[in-house]
Structures are given as structure tokens and as C-alpha cells.
PDB file of N, CA and C in Angstrom:
ATOM      1  N   MET A   1       0.828  -1.194   0.000  1.00  0.00           N
ATOM      2  CA  MET A   1       0.000   0.000   0.000  1.00  0.00           C
ATOM      3  C   MET A   1       0.873   1.258   0.000  1.00  0.00           C
ATOM      4  N   LEU A   2       1.941   1.223   0.800  1.00  0.00           N
ATOM      5  CA  LEU A   2       2.834   2.378   0.875  1.00  0.00           C
ATOM      6  C   LEU A   2       3.527   2.625  -0.458  1.00  0.00           C
ATOM      7  N   LYS A   3       3.843   1.549  -1.190  1.00  0.00           N
ATOM      8  CA  LYS A   3       4.472   1.707  -2.502  1.00  0.00           C
ATOM      9  C   LYS A   3       3.537   2.425  -3.472  1.00  0.00           C
ATOM     10  N   LYS A   4       2.249   2.107  -3.401  1.00  0.00           N
ATOM     11  CA  LYS A   4       1.273   2.764  -4.281  1.00  0.00           C
ATOM     12  C   LYS A   4       1.157   4.245  -3.941  1.00  0.00           C
ATOM     13  N   ILE A   5       1.161   4.554  -2.660  1.00  0.00           N
ATOM     14  CA  ILE A   5       1.069   5.952  -2.237  1.00  0.00           C
ATOM     15  C   ILE A   5       2.301   6.719  -2.701  1.00  0.00           C
ATOM     16  N   ASN A   6       3.482   6.134  -2.524  1.00  0.00           N
ATOM     17  CA  ASN A   6       4.706   6.781  -2.992  1.00  0.00           C
ATOM     18  C   ASN A   6       4.679   6.988  -4.498  1.00  0.00           C
ATOM     19  N   TRP A   7       4.183   5.999  -5.237  1.00  0.00           N
ATOM     20  CA  TRP A   7       4.112   6.127  -6.685  1.00  0.00           C
ATOM     21  C   TRP A   7       3.157   7.253  -7.090  1.00  0.00           C
ATOM     22  N   ILE A   8       2.028   7.346  -6.412  1.00  0.00           N
ATOM     23  CA  ILE A   8       1.051   8.405  -6.710  1.00  0.00           C
ATOM     24  C   ILE A   8       1.650   9.779  -6.405  1.00  0.00           C
ATOM     25  N   ILE A   9       2.375   9.893  -5.308  1.00  0.00           N
ATOM     26  CA  ILE A   9       3.029  11.163  -4.966  1.00  0.00           C
ATOM     27  C   ILE A   9       4.075  11.505  -6.018  1.00  0.00           C
ATOM     28  N   TRP A  10       4.871  10.504  -6.425  1.00  0.00           N
ATOM     29  CA  TRP A  10       5.891  10.725  -7.446  1.00  0.00           C
ATOM     30  C   TRP A  10       5.250  11.186  -8.753  1.00  0.00           C
ATOM     31  N   LEU A  11       4.203  10.500  -9.171  1.00  0.00           N
ATOM     32  CA  LEU A  11       3.512  10.848 -10.409  1.00  0.00           C
ATOM     33  C   LEU A  11       2.923  12.258 -10.329  1.00  0.00           C
ATOM     34  N   SER A  12       2.343  12.599  -9.197  1.00  0.00           N
ATOM     35  CA  SER A  12       1.784  13.945  -9.008  1.00  0.00           C
ATOM     36  C   SER A  12       2.866  15.014  -9.120  1.00  0.00           C
ATOM     37  N   LEU A  13       4.029  14.753  -8.530  1.00  0.00           N
ATOM     38  CA  LEU A  13       5.121  15.725  -8.617  1.00  0.00           C
ATOM     39  C   LEU A  13       5.638  15.874 -10.042  1.00  0.00           C
ATOM     40  N   VAL A  14       5.707  14.772 -10.776  1.00  0.00           N
ATOM     41  CA  VAL A  14       6.142  14.845 -12.178  1.00  0.00           C
ATOM     42  C   VAL A  14       5.126  15.639 -13.000  1.00  0.00           C
ATOM     43  N   ILE A  15       3.846  15.394 -12.780  1.00  0.00           N
ATOM     44  CA  ILE A  15       2.803  16.131 -13.498  1.00  0.00           C
ATOM     45  C   ILE A  15       2.848  17.607 -13.133  1.00  0.00           C
ATOM     46  N   LEU A  16       3.008  17.917 -11.842  1.00  0.00           N
ATOM     47  CA  LEU A  16       3.117  19.321 -11.427  1.00  0.00           C
ATOM     48  C   LEU A  16       4.315  19.999 -12.082  1.00  0.00           C
ATOM     49  N   TRP A  17       5.426  19.278 -12.175  1.00  0.00           N
ATOM     50  CA  TRP A  17       6.614  19.827 -12.844  1.00  0.00           C
ATOM     51  C   TRP A  17       6.296  20.141 -14.308  1.00  0.00           C
ATOM     52  N   ASN A  18       5.652  19.197 -14.990  1.00  0.00           N
ATOM     53  CA  ASN A  18       5.375  19.385 -16.411  1.00  0.00           C
ATOM     54  C   ASN A  18       4.410  20.537 -16.673  1.00  0.00           C
ATOM     55  N   TYR A  19       3.408  20.698 -15.826  1.00  0.00           N
ATOM     56  CA  TYR A  19       2.464  21.804 -16.006  1.00  0.00           C
ATOM     57  C   TYR A  19       2.995  23.109 -15.424  1.00  0.00           C
ATOM     58  N   GLY A  20       3.829  23.020 -14.409  1.00  0.00           N
ATOM     59  CA  GLY A  20       4.379  24.220 -13.789  1.00  0.00           C
ATOM     60  C   GLY A  20       5.490  24.861 -14.597  1.00  0.00           C
ATOM     61  N   PHE A  21       6.199  24.039 -15.354  1.00  0.00           N
ATOM     62  CA  PHE A  21       7.312  24.522 -16.171  1.00  0.00           C
ATOM     63  C   PHE A  21       7.157  24.019 -17.603  1.00  0.00           C
ATOM     64  N   PRO A  22       6.174  24.535 -18.326  1.00  0.00           N
ATOM     65  CA  PRO A  22       5.941  24.033 -19.688  1.00  0.00           C
ATOM     66  C   PRO A  22       7.082  24.368 -20.659  1.00  0.00           C
ATOM     67  N   GLN A  23       7.887  25.375 -20.336  1.00  0.00           N
ATOM     68  CA  GLN A  23       8.997  25.758 -21.213  1.00  0.00           C
ATOM     69  C   GLN A  23      10.226  24.890 -21.004  1.00  0.00           C
ATOM     70  N   ALA A  24      10.183  23.938 -20.074  1.00  0.00           N
ATOM     71  CA  ALA A  24      11.329  23.064 -19.800  1.00  0.00           C
ATOM     72  C   ALA A  24      11.611  22.171 -21.008  1.00  0.00           C
ATOM     73  N   THR A  25      12.883  21.915 -21.220  1.00  0.00           N
ATOM     74  CA  THR A  25      13.286  21.047 -22.328  1.00  0.00           C
ATOM     75  C   THR A  25      13.005  19.586 -21.972  1.00  0.00           C
ATOM     76  N   PRO A  26      12.955  18.717 -22.966  1.00  0.00           N
ATOM     77  CA  PRO A  26      12.774  17.282 -22.666  1.00  0.00           C
ATOM     78  C   PRO A  26      13.871  16.729 -21.747  1.00  0.00           C
ATOM     79  N   PHE A  27      15.098  17.218 -21.902  1.00  0.00           N
ATOM     80  CA  PHE A  27      16.184  16.780 -21.023  1.00  0.00           C
ATOM     81  C   PHE A  27      15.880  17.139 -19.572  1.00  0.00           C
ATOM     82  N   GLU A  28      15.390  18.353 -19.346  1.00  0.00           N
ATOM     83  CA  GLU A  28      15.054  18.771 -17.979  1.00  0.00           C
ATOM     84  C   GLU A  28      13.910  17.938 -17.419  1.00  0.00           C
ATOM     85  N   ASP A  29      12.936  17.608 -18.262  1.00  0.00           N
ATOM     86  CA  ASP A  29      11.827  16.761 -17.814  1.00  0.00           C
ATOM     87  C   ASP A  29      12.336  15.394 -17.356  1.00  0.00           C
ATOM     88  N   VAL A  30      13.212  14.806 -18.143  1.00  0.00           N
ATOM     89  CA  VAL A  30      13.763  13.493 -17.794  1.00  0.00           C
ATOM     90  C   VAL A  30      14.635  13.601 -16.548  1.00  0.00           C
ATOM     91  N   ALA A  31      15.432  14.652 -16.462  1.00  0.00           N
ATOM     92  CA  ALA A  31      16.315  14.825 -15.300  1.00  0.00           C
ATOM     93  C   ALA A  31      15.509  14.939 -14.004  1.00  0.00           C
ATOM     94  N   VAL A  32      14.426  15.697 -14.033  1.00  0.00           N
ATOM     95  CA  VAL A  32      13.587  15.847 -12.832  1.00  0.00           C
ATOM     96  C   VAL A  32      12.910  14.525 -12.488  1.00  0.00           C
ATOM     97  N   ALA A  33      12.428  13.804 -13.489  1.00  0.00           N
ATOM     98  CA  ALA A  33      11.790  12.509 -13.230  1.00  0.00           C
ATOM     99  C   ALA A  33      12.779  11.524 -12.617  1.00  0.00           C
ATOM    100  N   VAL A  34      14.009  11.504 -13.135  1.00  0.00           N
ATOM    101  CA  VAL A  34      15.039  10.608 -12.588  1.00  0.00           C
ATOM    102  C   VAL A  34      15.397  11.027 -11.160  1.00  0.00           C
ATOM    103  N   PHE A  35      15.566  12.323 -10.934  1.00  0.00           N
ATOM    104  CA  PHE A  35      15.873  12.817  -9.596  1.00  0.00           C
ATOM    105  C   PHE A  35      14.779  12.422  -8.601  1.00  0.00           C
ATOM    106  N   LEU A  36      13.523  12.616  -8.985  1.00  0.00           N
ATOM    107  CA  LEU A  36      12.426  12.243  -8.091  1.00  0.00           C
ATOM    108  C   LEU A  36      12.395  10.733  -7.854  1.00  0.00           C
ATOM    109  N   SER A  37      12.698   9.953  -8.884  1.00  0.00           N
ATOM    110  CA  SER A  37      12.728   8.490  -8.723  1.00  0.00           C
ATOM    111  C   SER A  37      13.789   8.079  -7.711  1.00  0.00           C
ATOM    112  N   ILE A  38      14.976   8.642  -7.855  1.00  0.00           N
ATOM    113  CA  ILE A  38      16.059   8.326  -6.920  1.00  0.00           C
ATOM    114  C   ILE A  38      15.685   8.768  -5.505  1.00  0.00           C
ATOM    115  N   LEU A  39      15.079   9.932  -5.394  1.00  0.00           N
ATOM    116  CA  LEU A  39      14.650  10.432  -4.093  1.00  0.00           C
ATOM    117  C   LEU A  39      13.648   9.488  -3.445  1.00  0.00           C
ATOM    118  N   PHE A  40      12.700   8.981  -4.235  1.00  0.00           N
ATOM    119  CA  PHE A  40      11.690   8.087  -3.687  1.00  0.00           C
ATOM    120  C   PHE A  40      12.219   6.676  -3.460  1.00  0.00           C
ATOM    121  N   ILE A  41      13.421   6.371  -3.931  1.00  0.00           N
ATOM    122  CA  ILE A  41      14.090   5.114  -3.582  1.00  0.00           C
ATOM    123  C   ILE A  41      14.849   5.292  -2.277  1.00  0.00           C
ATOM    124  N   ILE A  42      15.451   6.461  -2.095  1.00  0.00           N
ATOM    125  CA  ILE A  42      16.270   6.726  -0.912  1.00  0.00           C
ATOM    126  C   ILE A  42      15.412   6.937   0.337  1.00  0.00           C
ATOM    127  N   ILE A  43      14.285   7.585   0.214  1.00  0.00           N
ATOM    128  CA  ILE A  43      13.432   7.903   1.374  1.00  0.00           C
ATOM    129  C   ILE A  43      13.049   6.645   2.159  1.00  0.00           C
ATOM    130  N   PRO A  44      12.523   5.584   1.537  1.00  0.00           N
ATOM    131  CA  PRO A  44      12.196   4.384   2.330  1.00  0.00           C
ATOM    132  C   PRO A  44      13.419   3.745   2.989  1.00  0.00           C
ATOM    133  N   MET A  45      14.571   3.830   2.324  1.00  0.00           N
ATOM    134  CA  MET A  45      15.785   3.275   2.931  1.00  0.00           C
ATOM    135  C   MET A  45      16.135   4.044   4.205  1.00  0.00           C
ATOM    136  N   LEU A  46      16.044   5.347   4.157  1.00  0.00           N
ATOM    137  CA  LEU A  46      16.333   6.155   5.336  1.00  0.00           C
ATOM    138  C   LEU A  46      15.305   5.913   6.436  1.00  0.00           C
ATOM    139  N   GLN A  47      14.043   5.764   6.040  1.00  0.00           N
ATOM    140  CA  GLN A  47      12.997   5.501   7.028  1.00  0.00           C
ATOM    141  C   GLN A  47      13.230   4.161   7.720  1.00  0.00           C
ATOM    142  N   SER A  48      13.631   3.146   6.976  1.00  0.00           N
ATOM    143  CA  SER A  48      13.858   1.835   7.588  1.00  0.00           C
ATOM    144  C   SER A  48      15.052   1.879   8.537  1.00  0.00           C
ATOM    145  N   ARG A  49      16.093   2.630   8.184  1.00  0.00           N
ATOM    146  CA  ARG A  49      17.243   2.764   9.086  1.00  0.00           C
ATOM    147  C   ARG A  49      16.841   3.485  10.366  1.00  0.00           C
ATOM    148  N   TYR A  50      16.027   4.530  10.219  1.00  0.00           N
ATOM    149  CA  TYR A  50      15.579   5.278  11.386  1.00  0.00           C
ATOM    150  C   TYR A  50      14.719   4.393  12.283  1.00  0.00           C
ATOM    151  N   LEU A  51      13.846   3.598  11.692  1.00  0.00           N
ATOM    152  CA  LEU A  51      12.987   2.719  12.488  1.00  0.00           C
ATOM    153  C   LEU A  51      13.810   1.658  13.214  1.00  0.00           C
ATOM    154  N   LYS A  52      14.853   1.148  12.583  1.00  0.00           N
ATOM    155  CA  LYS A  52      15.705   0.159  13.248  1.00  0.00           C
ATOM    156  C   LYS A  52      16.402   0.770  14.453  1.00  0.00           C
ATOM    157  N   LYS A  53      16.838   2.018  14.329  1.00  0.00           N
ATOM    158  CA  LYS A  53      17.518   2.674  15.435  1.00  0.00           C
ATOM    159  C   LYS A  53      16.555   2.943  16.588  1.00  0.00           C
ATOM    160  N   THR A  54      15.328   3.361  16.284  1.00  0.00           N
ATOM    161  CA  THR A  54      14.380   3.667  17.355  1.00  0.00           C
ATOM    162  C   THR A  54      13.865   2.394  18.014  1.00  0.00           C
ATOM    163  N   ASP A  55      13.739   1.304  17.258  1.00  0.00           N
ATOM    164  CA  ASP A  55      13.287   0.035  17.838  1.00  0.00           C
ATOM    165  C   ASP A  55      14.345  -0.569  18.733  1.00  0.00           C
ATOM    166  N   ALA A  56      15.602  -0.344  18.438  1.00  0.00           N
ATOM    167  CA  ALA A  56      16.687  -0.944  19.208  1.00  0.00           C
ATOM    168  C   ALA A  56      16.712  -0.418  20.651  1.00  0.00           C
ATOM    169  N   GLY A  57      16.259   0.794  20.840  1.00  0.00           N
ATOM    170  CA  GLY A  57      16.285   1.370  22.170  1.00  0.00           C
ATOM    171  C   GLY A  57      15.012   1.174  22.960  1.00  0.00           C
ATOM    172  N   SER A  58      14.056   0.443  22.424  1.00  0.00           N
ATOM    173  CA  SER A  58      12.792   0.250  23.095  1.00  0.00           C
ATOM    174  C   SER A  58      12.946  -0.683  24.279  1.00  0.00           C
ATOM    175  N   LYS A  59      12.290  -0.360  25.383  1.00  0.00           N
ATOM    176  CA  LYS A  59      12.387  -1.205  26.569  1.00  0.00           C
ATOM    177  C   LYS A  59      11.492  -2.433  26.478  1.00  0.00           C
ATOM    178  N   PHE A  60      10.621  -2.484  25.458  1.00  0.00           N
ATOM    179  CA  PHE A  60       9.703  -3.606  25.298  1.00  0.00           C
ATOM    180  C   PHE A  60      10.251  -4.697  24.393  1.00  0.00           C
ATOM    181  N   VAL A  61      11.382  -4.449  23.778  1.00  0.00           N
ATOM    182  CA  VAL A  61      11.984  -5.434  22.885  1.00  0.00           C
ATOM    183  C   VAL A  61      12.847  -6.377  23.712  1.00  0.00           C
ATOM    184  N   LYS A  62      12.631  -7.675  23.538  1.00  0.00           N
ATOM    185  CA  LYS A  62      13.445  -8.665  24.266  1.00  0.00           C
ATOM    186  C   LYS A  62      14.806  -8.743  23.632  1.00  0.00           C
ATOM    187  N   LYS A  63      15.816  -8.802  24.479  1.00  0.00           N
ATOM    188  CA  LYS A  63      17.198  -8.878  23.995  1.00  0.00           C
ATOM    189  C   LYS A  63      17.758 -10.251  24.204  1.00  0.00           C
TER     190      LYS A  63
END
């Protein structure tokens, strides 16, 4: 479910870019789409690392 939400957000940002900057060249359109794709790959990785760090310090986790 989270993957679908991320994809919808990514698609919305790409569409906003295309309508917000209609004078952009095709290269700029592709560059922004690639940048957003990489960003949406990195965000879940950072979130999972953060969750692992916060779970490790929980007093309810058995060691």
C-alpha cells in the first residue's frame, strides 16, 4: 500500500513539474523525473534505518 502511495506522490510531482514549467526542455523533464525516482528510492531506505535505530532502544523489545 505504501508503494502505491509513494508512486502516486511521485507521479503527481512529475505532473506538477510538467504543467508548472511548460517551457522546460525534454532533457530537464527526464532529469527531474530521474531525480524524483532516486529520491523516492532513498526515502524508504532512510525511514527503515531510522525505524531500526528507534526500535533498538525500546524497553519492550526482548534482547
